[in-house]
Amino acid sequence: MQLKWVAVIFNVWLLLSSAAWAEETLTDLIKRAEQGDAVAQTDLGAKYALGSDVAIDYREAKKWFHLAALQGNALAQYHLGVIYANGEGTPADLKTAAEWYLKSAEQGDVLAQFNIGLMYVNGDGVPKQYREAHKWFKKAAEQGDALAQVNLGLMFIRGEGVEKNPDEAVKWFKLSAQQGDKNAQYHLGLCYFEGEGVPKDHQLAYMWLTLAATNQAHAILDELNQELTAEQIANEQQRAAQWRPTAH
């Protein structure tokens, strides 16, 4: 099977308190942050990272995220990991990024769980350990994270960090594909094409590969266009056109 890891750019800023921002002045937010309120510190750090009501200033963002992270705020810990991973306002330091992602992940932050899993896969800032990667991908996948789900499926297909289990791989590919993840749709289509983890079904393979619309998918679709009848192709193209993603 033509497989590769699915990665996410580390720089993903989260704004969980944006509704509160509309009701609070910057002056009031700074006052609460200076008084030690970890949520306010996190929000202020995000403002500096995004340039919302203030000029972008990663050094200031790092300062406020760090203060909140030291108080155990999981979102601040995640953002501090982003700062160190990308080297924004500070030299890039994947080891320190991994330490903060791990603290956040242990508190249940789904993006931190995914990122630390990916770091264990690649050996970025931590030793390459597929067992640890599997553990964190699974935690994020169980929270509905589509990227974690497809990578968990890859681990089950390959038998990396876990016993090889194509049936389990298909389960996770489906969950991710149903949310609209193109990589998962490709891998699920590939499973139907090759009959790995599911009975071989080239019509279902056609539908999922059509949805994926990747270069790899097009190569297999060219092959299926020679195999399936015009009616079968039309039916699967219609199913793909009518398909809608589901929320996790």
C-alpha atoms as a PDB file:
ATOM      1  CA  MET A   1       0.000   0.000   0.000  1.00  0.00           C
ATOM      2  CA  GLN A   2       1.183   3.532  -0.771  1.00  0.00           C
ATOM      3  CA  LEU A   3       1.246   5.034   2.700  1.00  0.00           C
ATOM      4  CA  LYS A   4       2.750   8.109   4.329  1.00  0.00           C
ATOM      5  CA  TRP A   5       2.338   9.950   7.603  1.00  0.00           C
ATOM      6  CA  VAL A   6      -0.177  12.745   7.768  1.00  0.00           C
ATOM      7  CA  ALA A   7       1.281  15.797   9.470  1.00  0.00           C
ATOM      8  CA  VAL A   8      -0.131  19.079  10.715  1.00  0.00           C
ATOM      9  CA  ILE A   9       1.663  22.416  10.787  1.00  0.00           C
ATOM     10  CA  PHE A  10       2.593  23.074  14.406  1.00  0.00           C
ATOM     11  CA  ASN A  11       1.498  26.700  14.197  1.00  0.00           C
ATOM     12  CA  VAL A  12      -2.192  26.309  14.983  1.00  0.00           C
ATOM     13  CA  TRP A  13      -3.432  29.063  17.280  1.00  0.00           C
ATOM     14  CA  LEU A  14      -6.576  28.364  19.288  1.00  0.00           C
ATOM     15  CA  LEU A  15      -8.962  31.067  20.443  1.00  0.00           C
ATOM     16  CA  LEU A  16     -11.292  29.526  22.973  1.00  0.00           C
ATOM     17  CA  SER A  17     -12.268  32.766  24.685  1.00  0.00           C
ATOM     18  CA  SER A  18     -13.026  34.918  21.640  1.00  0.00           C
ATOM     19  CA  ALA A  19     -16.608  35.509  22.833  1.00  0.00           C
ATOM     20  CA  ALA A  20     -15.269  36.974  26.052  1.00  0.00           C
ATOM     21  CA  TRP A  21     -12.915  39.240  24.076  1.00  0.00           C
ATOM     22  CA  ALA A  22     -15.874  41.067  22.565  1.00  0.00           C
ATOM     23  CA  GLU A  23     -17.087  42.002  26.031  1.00  0.00           C
ATOM     24  CA  GLU A  24     -13.760  42.965  27.615  1.00  0.00           C
ATOM     25  CA  THR A  25     -11.436  45.841  26.790  1.00  0.00           C
ATOM     26  CA  LEU A  26      -7.753  45.205  26.201  1.00  0.00           C
ATOM     27  CA  THR A  27      -6.991  47.299  29.288  1.00  0.00           C
ATOM     28  CA  ASP A  28      -9.175  45.090  31.456  1.00  0.00           C
ATOM     29  CA  LEU A  29      -7.654  41.934  29.975  1.00  0.00           C
ATOM     30  CA  ILE A  30      -4.127  43.166  30.678  1.00  0.00           C
ATOM     31  CA  LYS A  31      -5.154  44.067  34.228  1.00  0.00           C
ATOM     32  CA  ARG A  32      -6.499  40.565  34.879  1.00  0.00           C
ATOM     33  CA  ALA A  33      -3.411  39.010  33.309  1.00  0.00           C
ATOM     34  CA  GLU A  34      -1.095  41.123  35.477  1.00  0.00           C
ATOM     35  CA  GLN A  35      -3.081  40.013  38.529  1.00  0.00           C
ATOM     36  CA  GLY A  36      -2.219  36.407  37.708  1.00  0.00           C
ATOM     37  CA  ASP A  37      -5.393  35.158  36.015  1.00  0.00           C
ATOM     38  CA  ALA A  38      -4.187  32.230  33.888  1.00  0.00           C
ATOM     39  CA  VAL A  39      -7.091  32.410  31.429  1.00  0.00           C
ATOM     40  CA  ALA A  40      -6.499  36.130  30.888  1.00  0.00           C
ATOM     41  CA  GLN A  41      -2.775  35.478  30.451  1.00  0.00           C
ATOM     42  CA  THR A  42      -3.526  32.838  27.820  1.00  0.00           C
ATOM     43  CA  ASP A  43      -5.960  35.103  25.993  1.00  0.00           C
ATOM     44  CA  LEU A  44      -3.490  37.979  26.068  1.00  0.00           C
ATOM     45  CA  GLY A  45      -0.757  35.717  24.726  1.00  0.00           C
ATOM     46  CA  ALA A  46      -3.061  34.683  21.884  1.00  0.00           C
ATOM     47  CA  LYS A  47      -3.783  38.336  21.088  1.00  0.00           C
ATOM     48  CA  TYR A  48      -0.071  39.027  20.737  1.00  0.00           C
ATOM     49  CA  ALA A  49       0.444  35.877  18.664  1.00  0.00           C
ATOM     50  CA  LEU A  50      -2.379  36.804  16.284  1.00  0.00           C
ATOM     51  CA  GLY A  51      -2.105  40.578  16.290  1.00  0.00           C
ATOM     52  CA  SER A  52      -5.642  41.015  17.605  1.00  0.00           C
ATOM     53  CA  ASP A  53      -6.039  44.565  18.995  1.00  0.00           C
ATOM     54  CA  VAL A  54      -2.245  44.696  19.342  1.00  0.00           C
ATOM     55  CA  ALA A  55       0.743  44.389  17.033  1.00  0.00           C
ATOM     56  CA  ILE A  56       2.042  40.847  16.595  1.00  0.00           C
ATOM     57  CA  ASP A  57       4.724  40.330  19.210  1.00  0.00           C
ATOM     58  CA  TYR A  58       5.806  36.737  19.772  1.00  0.00           C
ATOM     59  CA  ARG A  59       8.058  37.697  22.675  1.00  0.00           C
ATOM     60  CA  GLU A  60       5.073  39.124  24.532  1.00  0.00           C
ATOM     61  CA  ALA A  61       2.982  36.120  23.501  1.00  0.00           C
ATOM     62  CA  LYS A  62       5.629  33.778  24.870  1.00  0.00           C
ATOM     63  CA  LYS A  63       5.814  35.736  28.147  1.00  0.00           C
ATOM     64  CA  TRP A  64       2.089  35.478  28.817  1.00  0.00           C
ATOM     65  CA  PHE A  65       1.758  31.887  27.650  1.00  0.00           C
ATOM     66  CA  HIS A  66       4.655  30.938  29.911  1.00  0.00           C
ATOM     67  CA  LEU A  67       3.109  32.574  32.970  1.00  0.00           C
ATOM     68  CA  ALA A  68      -0.189  30.761  32.374  1.00  0.00           C
ATOM     69  CA  ALA A  69       1.546  27.484  31.496  1.00  0.00           C
ATOM     70  CA  LEU A  70       3.415  27.533  34.802  1.00  0.00           C
ATOM     71  CA  GLN A  71       0.014  27.684  36.504  1.00  0.00           C
ATOM     72  CA  GLY A  72      -0.987  24.509  34.659  1.00  0.00           C
ATOM     73  CA  ASN A  73      -3.218  26.032  31.970  1.00  0.00           C
ATOM     74  CA  ALA A  74      -3.375  23.332  29.260  1.00  0.00           C
ATOM     75  CA  LEU A  75      -4.154  25.732  26.407  1.00  0.00           C
ATOM     76  CA  ALA A  76      -1.232  27.980  27.348  1.00  0.00           C
ATOM     77  CA  GLN A  77       1.029  24.931  27.520  1.00  0.00           C
ATOM     78  CA  TYR A  78      -0.077  23.935  24.030  1.00  0.00           C
ATOM     79  CA  HIS A  79       0.546  27.452  22.690  1.00  0.00           C
ATOM     80  CA  LEU A  80       3.947  27.575  24.354  1.00  0.00           C
ATOM     81  CA  GLY A  81       4.764  24.343  22.564  1.00  0.00           C
ATOM     82  CA  VAL A  82       3.774  26.056  19.288  1.00  0.00           C
ATOM     83  CA  ILE A  83       6.059  29.003  20.106  1.00  0.00           C
ATOM     84  CA  TYR A  84       9.069  26.748  20.708  1.00  0.00           C
ATOM     85  CA  ALA A  85       8.302  24.415  17.791  1.00  0.00           C
ATOM     86  CA  ASN A  86       8.165  27.307  15.327  1.00  0.00           C
ATOM     87  CA  GLY A  87      10.890  29.434  16.904  1.00  0.00           C
ATOM     88  CA  GLU A  88       8.652  32.478  17.218  1.00  0.00           C
ATOM     89  CA  GLY A  89       9.939  35.027  19.686  1.00  0.00           C
ATOM     90  CA  THR A  90      12.560  32.522  20.789  1.00  0.00           C
ATOM     91  CA  PRO A  91      15.031  30.160  19.111  1.00  0.00           C
ATOM     92  CA  ALA A  92      13.348  26.986  17.844  1.00  0.00           C
ATOM     93  CA  ASP A  93      13.674  24.261  20.464  1.00  0.00           C
ATOM     94  CA  LEU A  94      11.840  21.012  19.688  1.00  0.00           C
ATOM     95  CA  LYS A  95      12.871  19.416  22.973  1.00  0.00           C
ATOM     96  CA  THR A  96      11.231  22.221  24.968  1.00  0.00           C
ATOM     97  CA  ALA A  97       8.253  22.235  22.583  1.00  0.00           C
ATOM     98  CA  ALA A  98       7.763  18.519  23.239  1.00  0.00           C
ATOM     99  CA  GLU A  99       7.929  19.059  26.993  1.00  0.00           C
ATOM    100  CA  TRP A 100       5.126  21.636  26.863  1.00  0.00           C
ATOM    101  CA  TYR A 101       3.037  19.627  24.409  1.00  0.00           C
ATOM    102  CA  LEU A 102       3.334  16.648  26.725  1.00  0.00           C
ATOM    103  CA  LYS A 103       2.168  18.643  29.751  1.00  0.00           C
ATOM    104  CA  SER A 104      -0.825  19.884  27.767  1.00  0.00           C
ATOM    105  CA  ALA A 105      -1.530  16.457  26.278  1.00  0.00           C
ATOM    106  CA  GLU A 106      -1.594  14.876  29.715  1.00  0.00           C
ATOM    107  CA  GLN A 107      -4.420  17.279  30.579  1.00  0.00           C
ATOM    108  CA  GLY A 108      -6.388  16.179  27.526  1.00  0.00           C
ATOM    109  CA  ASP A 109      -5.651  18.882  24.946  1.00  0.00           C
ATOM    110  CA  VAL A 110      -6.357  17.150  21.627  1.00  0.00           C
ATOM    111  CA  LEU A 111      -3.971  19.148  19.406  1.00  0.00           C
ATOM    112  CA  ALA A 112      -1.178  18.737  21.922  1.00  0.00           C
ATOM    113  CA  GLN A 113      -1.876  15.000  21.932  1.00  0.00           C
ATOM    114  CA  PHE A 114      -1.653  14.882  18.157  1.00  0.00           C
ATOM    115  CA  ASN A 115       1.509  17.000  18.020  1.00  0.00           C
ATOM    116  CA  ILE A 116       3.373  14.994  20.653  1.00  0.00           C
ATOM    117  CA  GLY A 117       2.334  11.820  18.841  1.00  0.00           C
ATOM    118  CA  LEU A 118       3.779  13.171  15.603  1.00  0.00           C
ATOM    119  CA  MET A 119       6.970  14.174  17.398  1.00  0.00           C
ATOM    120  CA  TYR A 120       7.367  10.619  18.696  1.00  0.00           C
ATOM    121  CA  VAL A 121       6.845   9.284  15.149  1.00  0.00           C
ATOM    122  CA  ASN A 122       9.535  11.548  13.701  1.00  0.00           C
ATOM    123  CA  GLY A 123      11.890  11.675  16.674  1.00  0.00           C
ATOM    124  CA  ASP A 124      11.563  15.472  16.894  1.00  0.00           C
ATOM    125  CA  GLY A 125      12.626  16.687  20.327  1.00  0.00           C
ATOM    126  CA  VAL A 126      11.995  13.212  21.750  1.00  0.00           C
ATOM    127  CA  PRO A 127      13.346   9.733  20.926  1.00  0.00           C
ATOM    128  CA  LYS A 128      11.495   8.046  18.063  1.00  0.00           C
ATOM    129  CA  GLN A 129       9.032   5.755  19.843  1.00  0.00           C
ATOM    130  CA  TYR A 130       6.089   4.297  17.952  1.00  0.00           C
ATOM    131  CA  ARG A 131       4.464   2.964  21.124  1.00  0.00           C
ATOM    132  CA  GLU A 132       4.303   6.457  22.572  1.00  0.00           C
ATOM    133  CA  ALA A 133       3.120   7.844  19.247  1.00  0.00           C
ATOM    134  CA  HIS A 134       0.350   5.251  19.149  1.00  0.00           C
ATOM    135  CA  LYS A 135      -0.706   6.095  22.689  1.00  0.00           C
ATOM    136  CA  TRP A 136      -1.094   9.806  21.966  1.00  0.00           C
ATOM    137  CA  PHE A 137      -2.656   9.384  18.524  1.00  0.00           C
ATOM    138  CA  LYS A 138      -5.222   7.071  20.117  1.00  0.00           C
ATOM    139  CA  LYS A 139      -6.100   9.587  22.824  1.00  0.00           C
ATOM    140  CA  ALA A 140      -6.568  12.338  20.224  1.00  0.00           C
ATOM    141  CA  ALA A 141      -8.414  10.002  17.848  1.00  0.00           C
ATOM    142  CA  GLU A 142     -10.849   9.026  20.579  1.00  0.00           C
ATOM    143  CA  GLN A 143     -11.650  12.724  20.974  1.00  0.00           C
ATOM    144  CA  GLY A 144     -12.567  12.830  17.291  1.00  0.00           C
ATOM    145  CA  ASP A 145      -9.417  14.379  15.817  1.00  0.00           C
ATOM    146  CA  ALA A 146      -9.405  13.411  12.126  1.00  0.00           C
ATOM    147  CA  LEU A 147      -5.635  13.719  11.648  1.00  0.00           C
ATOM    148  CA  ALA A 148      -4.964  11.521  14.657  1.00  0.00           C
ATOM    149  CA  GLN A 149      -7.497   8.992  13.383  1.00  0.00           C
ATOM    150  CA  VAL A 150      -5.838   8.613   9.997  1.00  0.00           C
ATOM    151  CA  ASN A 151      -2.365   8.329  11.542  1.00  0.00           C
ATOM    152  CA  LEU A 152      -3.657   5.761  14.016  1.00  0.00           C
ATOM    153  CA  GLY A 153      -5.012   3.826  11.049  1.00  0.00           C
ATOM    154  CA  LEU A 154      -1.575   3.948   9.432  1.00  0.00           C
ATOM    155  CA  MET A 155       0.008   2.517  12.570  1.00  0.00           C
ATOM    156  CA  PHE A 156      -2.437  -0.404  12.536  1.00  0.00           C
ATOM    157  CA  ILE A 157      -1.838  -1.036   8.806  1.00  0.00           C
ATOM    158  CA  ARG A 158       1.932  -1.008   9.266  1.00  0.00           C
ATOM    159  CA  GLY A 159       2.108  -2.669  12.654  1.00  0.00           C
ATOM    160  CA  GLU A 160       4.159   0.195  14.084  1.00  0.00           C
ATOM    161  CA  GLY A 161       3.849   0.664  17.837  1.00  0.00           C
ATOM    162  CA  VAL A 162       1.018  -1.850  17.844  1.00  0.00           C
ATOM    163  CA  GLU A 163       0.254  -5.282  16.400  1.00  0.00           C
ATOM    164  CA  LYS A 164      -0.716  -5.078  12.727  1.00  0.00           C
ATOM    165  CA  ASN A 165      -4.506  -5.032  12.440  1.00  0.00           C
ATOM    166  CA  PRO A 166      -6.027  -3.994   9.077  1.00  0.00           C
ATOM    167  CA  ASP A 167      -9.586  -4.230  10.459  1.00  0.00           C
ATOM    168  CA  GLU A 168      -8.747  -1.695  13.164  1.00  0.00           C
ATOM    169  CA  ALA A 169      -6.992   0.481  10.593  1.00  0.00           C
ATOM    170  CA  VAL A 170     -10.125   0.598   8.442  1.00  0.00           C
ATOM    171  CA  LYS A 171     -12.189   1.565  11.488  1.00  0.00           C
ATOM    172  CA  TRP A 172     -10.047   4.663  12.073  1.00  0.00           C
ATOM    173  CA  PHE A 173      -9.730   5.511   8.382  1.00  0.00           C
ATOM    174  CA  LYS A 174     -13.543   5.479   8.149  1.00  0.00           C
ATOM    175  CA  LEU A 175     -13.993   7.763  11.150  1.00  0.00           C
ATOM    176  CA  SER A 176     -11.549  10.258   9.695  1.00  0.00           C
ATOM    177  CA  ALA A 177     -12.806   9.911   6.112  1.00  0.00           C
ATOM    178  CA  GLN A 178     -16.376  10.539   7.238  1.00  0.00           C
ATOM    179  CA  GLN A 179     -15.222  13.895   8.622  1.00  0.00           C
ATOM    180  CA  GLY A 180     -13.876  14.799   5.189  1.00  0.00           C
ATOM    181  CA  ASP A 181     -10.157  14.164   5.664  1.00  0.00           C
ATOM    182  CA  LYS A 182      -8.711  13.663   2.165  1.00  0.00           C
ATOM    183  CA  ASN A 183      -5.824  11.478   3.292  1.00  0.00           C
ATOM    184  CA  ALA A 184      -8.168   9.170   5.176  1.00  0.00           C
ATOM    185  CA  GLN A 185     -10.460   8.979   2.152  1.00  0.00           C
ATOM    186  CA  TYR A 186      -7.479   7.982   0.022  1.00  0.00           C
ATOM    187  CA  HIS A 187      -6.322   5.317   2.464  1.00  0.00           C
ATOM    188  CA  LEU A 188      -9.850   3.968   2.904  1.00  0.00           C
ATOM    189  CA  GLY A 189     -10.268   3.806  -0.862  1.00  0.00           C
ATOM    190  CA  LEU A 190      -6.954   1.995  -1.085  1.00  0.00           C
ATOM    191  CA  CYS A 191      -8.138  -0.544   1.495  1.00  0.00           C
ATOM    192  CA  TYR A 192     -11.269  -1.256  -0.572  1.00  0.00           C
ATOM    193  CA  PHE A 193      -9.158  -1.422  -3.737  1.00  0.00           C
ATOM    194  CA  GLU A 194      -6.743  -3.974  -2.278  1.00  0.00           C
ATOM    195  CA  GLY A 195      -9.163  -5.770   0.050  1.00  0.00           C
ATOM    196  CA  GLU A 196      -7.145  -5.006   3.179  1.00  0.00           C
ATOM    197  CA  GLY A 197      -9.242  -4.891   6.353  1.00  0.00           C
ATOM    198  CA  VAL A 198     -12.428  -5.020   4.255  1.00  0.00           C
ATOM    199  CA  PRO A 199     -13.691  -7.204   1.404  1.00  0.00           C
ATOM    200  CA  LYS A 200     -12.333  -5.980  -1.927  1.00  0.00           C
ATOM    201  CA  ASP A 201     -14.874  -3.591  -3.426  1.00  0.00           C
ATOM    202  CA  HIS A 202     -13.685  -1.571  -6.391  1.00  0.00           C
ATOM    203  CA  GLN A 203     -16.914   0.412  -6.623  1.00  0.00           C
ATOM    204  CA  LEU A 204     -16.581   1.686  -3.038  1.00  0.00           C
ATOM    205  CA  ALA A 205     -12.897   2.249  -3.718  1.00  0.00           C
ATOM    206  CA  TYR A 206     -13.906   4.433  -6.660  1.00  0.00           C
ATOM    207  CA  MET A 207     -16.212   6.561  -4.526  1.00  0.00           C
ATOM    208  CA  TRP A 208     -13.689   7.171  -1.734  1.00  0.00           C
ATOM    209  CA  LEU A 209     -10.817   7.797  -4.148  1.00  0.00           C
ATOM    210  CA  THR A 210     -12.992  10.261  -6.071  1.00  0.00           C
ATOM    211  CA  LEU A 211     -13.646  12.111  -2.815  1.00  0.00           C
ATOM    212  CA  ALA A 212      -9.945  12.087  -1.934  1.00  0.00           C
ATOM    213  CA  ALA A 213      -9.014  13.646  -5.293  1.00  0.00           C
ATOM    214  CA  THR A 214      -5.272  13.322  -4.570  1.00  0.00           C
ATOM    215  CA  ASN A 215      -2.623  12.600  -7.197  1.00  0.00           C
ATOM    216  CA  GLN A 216      -2.218   9.107  -5.766  1.00  0.00           C
ATOM    217  CA  ALA A 217      -5.981   8.571  -5.911  1.00  0.00           C
ATOM    218  CA  HIS A 218      -6.147   9.682  -9.551  1.00  0.00           C
ATOM    219  CA  ALA A 219      -3.562   7.067 -10.512  1.00  0.00           C
ATOM    220  CA  ILE A 220      -5.762   4.285  -9.099  1.00  0.00           C
ATOM    221  CA  LEU A 221      -8.920   5.846 -10.553  1.00  0.00           C
ATOM    222  CA  ASP A 222      -7.320   5.665 -14.006  1.00  0.00           C
ATOM    223  CA  GLU A 223      -6.913   1.939 -13.479  1.00  0.00           C
ATOM    224  CA  LEU A 224     -10.490   1.539 -12.219  1.00  0.00           C
ATOM    225  CA  ASN A 225     -11.822   3.489 -15.197  1.00  0.00           C
ATOM    226  CA  GLN A 226     -10.556   0.654 -17.363  1.00  0.00           C
ATOM    227  CA  GLU A 227     -12.137  -2.007 -15.162  1.00  0.00           C
ATOM    228  CA  LEU A 228     -15.578  -0.748 -14.101  1.00  0.00           C
ATOM    229  CA  THR A 229     -18.518  -0.290 -16.428  1.00  0.00           C
ATOM    230  CA  ALA A 230     -19.714   3.174 -17.434  1.00  0.00           C
ATOM    231  CA  GLU A 231     -22.830   2.646 -15.318  1.00  0.00           C
ATOM    232  CA  GLN A 232     -20.811   1.654 -12.240  1.00  0.00           C
ATOM    233  CA  ILE A 233     -18.548   4.663 -12.639  1.00  0.00           C
ATOM    234  CA  ALA A 234     -21.539   6.998 -13.025  1.00  0.00           C
ATOM    235  CA  ASN A 235     -23.167   5.563  -9.886  1.00  0.00           C
ATOM    236  CA  GLU A 236     -20.038   6.059  -7.775  1.00  0.00           C
ATOM    237  CA  GLN A 237     -19.461   9.545  -9.138  1.00  0.00           C
ATOM    238  CA  GLN A 238     -23.038  10.422  -8.177  1.00  0.00           C
ATOM    239  CA  ARG A 239     -22.570   8.964  -4.682  1.00  0.00           C
ATOM    240  CA  ALA A 240     -19.404  11.017  -4.295  1.00  0.00           C
ATOM    241  CA  ALA A 241     -21.194  14.170  -5.449  1.00  0.00           C
ATOM    242  CA  GLN A 242     -23.997  13.611  -2.937  1.00  0.00           C
ATOM    243  CA  TRP A 243     -21.706  12.677  -0.045  1.00  0.00           C
ATOM    244  CA  ARG A 244     -21.510  15.041   2.914  1.00  0.00           C
ATOM    245  CA  PRO A 245     -19.078  14.943   5.873  1.00  0.00           C
ATOM    246  CA  THR A 246     -20.334  14.137   9.344  1.00  0.00           C
ATOM    247  CA  ALA A 247     -19.299  15.819  12.577  1.00  0.00           C
ATOM    248  CA  HIS A 248     -17.312  13.679  15.005  1.00  0.00           C
END
